Amino acid sequence: MQKPPSIDKEKRERLLHGGKNWEKQQDVEAANDNFIDDHTGRGQMMIAEQDESLESLHASVLKIGAMGLGIRDELELHSGLIEDIDHETDITDHRMSQMRKEVDRLLKSSGSRSQLCIVAGLIV
């Protein structure tokens, strides 16, 4: 058996699809390939930009979280200080009440002249 004469692929495609139509189809396929490559590249660039933005956002969230923890610690410290001051104020208020009662008792038990001496002594 004899082999048919060899025809290269391009000539064969031209013969099957017609000369000009085949060239148009090749142009369309090349344009489609270029379009796909261009959009694939753009998509990859957009993904890279989004990754950078997300990394930046992640770093910001971590900083804000650390700041929040610092603020919480400060608030706990200040809350403890305020509680201590409140306790000391209560103690001082109680002592002042006792002193007022004592002064009132002394004023009642002594005369007006004694009251004047006591008031003068307290002022000095």
Foldseek 3Di string as FASTA:
>chain_A
DDDDDDDDPVVVQCVVQPPPVSVVVVVVVVVVVVVVVVVVVVVVVVVVVVVVVVVVVVVVVVVVVVVVVVVVVVVVVVVVVVVVVVVVVVVVVVVVVVVVVVLVVVPVVDDPVVNVVVVVVVVD
